[in-house]
Amino acid sequence: MSIQSINPATEELIETFVPFTHEQIDEALEQARQAFLQWRTTSLSERSPYLHRVASYLRAHPPVKSLDRDGVLLYTISNHW
């Protein structure tokens, strides 16, 4: 089974996604929790280079696509990750 993101104005298929299993979601949440526990103890001077790299990447690869059709603005997540 897949999930499709469809432009309602044109019925054009924007993206097809494969849903995650409950196990994949649990694993991702646990990894995020562990990363946060480490990140929150990191000093600002240590965080700075990482944040600059993320900002540069996001400027080059915006994570959101927008479609404008008859004044309706639609968003979908880009698949750059």
Protein backbone atom coordinates (compact mmCIF):
# COMPACT_ATOMS: atom_id res chain seq x y z
CA MET A 1 0.00 0.00 0.00
CA SER A 2 1.21 3.52 -0.77
CA ILE A 3 0.02 7.03 -0.01
CA GLN A 4 -0.32 9.46 -2.88
CA SER A 5 -0.14 13.24 -2.67
CA ILE A 6 -2.35 14.59 -5.43
CA ASN A 7 -2.82 18.19 -6.55
CA PRO A 8 -6.57 18.68 -6.08
CA ALA A 9 -6.76 21.41 -8.71
CA THR A 10 -5.19 19.37 -11.53
CA GLU A 11 -5.39 15.84 -10.10
CA GLU A 12 -1.69 15.56 -10.94
CA LEU A 13 0.26 13.06 -8.85
CA ILE A 14 2.83 15.04 -6.86
CA GLU A 15 4.51 12.25 -4.88
CA THR A 16 3.96 8.67 -3.78
CA PHE A 17 4.98 7.61 -0.28
CA VAL A 18 5.35 4.21 1.34
CA PRO A 19 3.91 4.33 4.87
CA PHE A 20 6.13 3.39 7.79
CA THR A 21 5.41 0.37 9.96
CA HIS A 22 4.76 0.81 13.68
CA GLU A 23 8.21 -0.65 14.34
CA GLN A 24 9.87 1.87 12.01
CA ILE A 25 8.04 4.72 13.74
CA ASP A 26 9.03 3.47 17.19
CA GLU A 27 12.67 3.12 16.09
CA ALA A 28 12.73 6.62 14.58
CA LEU A 29 11.21 8.12 17.73
CA GLU A 30 13.74 6.36 19.94
CA GLN A 31 16.63 7.55 17.74
CA ALA A 32 15.27 11.11 17.91
CA ARG A 33 14.97 10.90 21.69
CA GLN A 34 18.55 9.66 22.03
CA ALA A 35 19.82 12.38 19.68
CA PHE A 36 17.98 15.05 21.66
CA LEU A 37 19.45 13.83 24.94
CA GLN A 38 22.92 14.23 23.45
CA TRP A 39 22.15 17.51 21.64
CA ARG A 40 20.78 19.27 24.71
CA THR A 41 24.12 18.87 26.49
CA THR A 42 26.08 20.23 23.51
CA SER A 43 27.39 23.78 23.86
CA LEU A 44 26.35 26.53 21.46
CA SER A 45 29.88 26.73 20.04
CA GLU A 46 29.75 23.00 19.26
CA ARG A 47 26.26 23.26 17.72
CA SER A 48 27.06 26.23 15.50
CA PRO A 49 28.90 24.38 12.67
CA TYR A 50 26.09 21.81 12.42
CA LEU A 51 23.40 24.47 12.28
CA HIS A 52 25.28 26.38 9.58
CA ARG A 53 25.56 23.19 7.49
CA VAL A 54 21.83 22.49 7.88
CA ALA A 55 20.98 26.08 6.93
CA SER A 56 23.18 25.89 3.82
CA TYR A 57 21.63 22.60 2.79
CA LEU A 58 18.08 23.88 3.27
CA ARG A 59 18.82 26.98 1.20
CA ALA A 60 20.09 24.75 -1.62
CA HIS A 61 17.35 22.09 -1.22
CA PRO A 62 14.12 23.59 0.13
CA PRO A 63 12.14 20.85 1.90
CA VAL A 64 8.78 22.18 0.71
CA LYS A 65 7.45 22.40 -2.81
CA SER A 66 4.64 24.82 -3.46
CA LEU A 67 2.14 24.76 -6.26
CA ASP A 68 0.01 27.78 -7.06
CA ARG A 69 -3.14 27.15 -9.01
CA ASP A 70 -5.86 29.78 -9.28
CA GLY A 71 -4.74 31.50 -6.09
CA VAL A 72 -4.60 28.24 -4.09
CA LEU A 73 -1.21 27.56 -2.59
CA LEU A 74 -0.46 23.89 -1.93
CA TYR A 75 2.56 22.42 -0.17
CA THR A 76 4.22 19.03 -0.20
CA ILE A 77 7.43 17.78 1.37
CA SER A 78 10.26 17.35 -1.14
CA ASN A 79 12.14 14.07 -1.20
CA HIS A 80 15.67 15.48 -0.69
CA TRP A 81 16.26 13.69 2.60
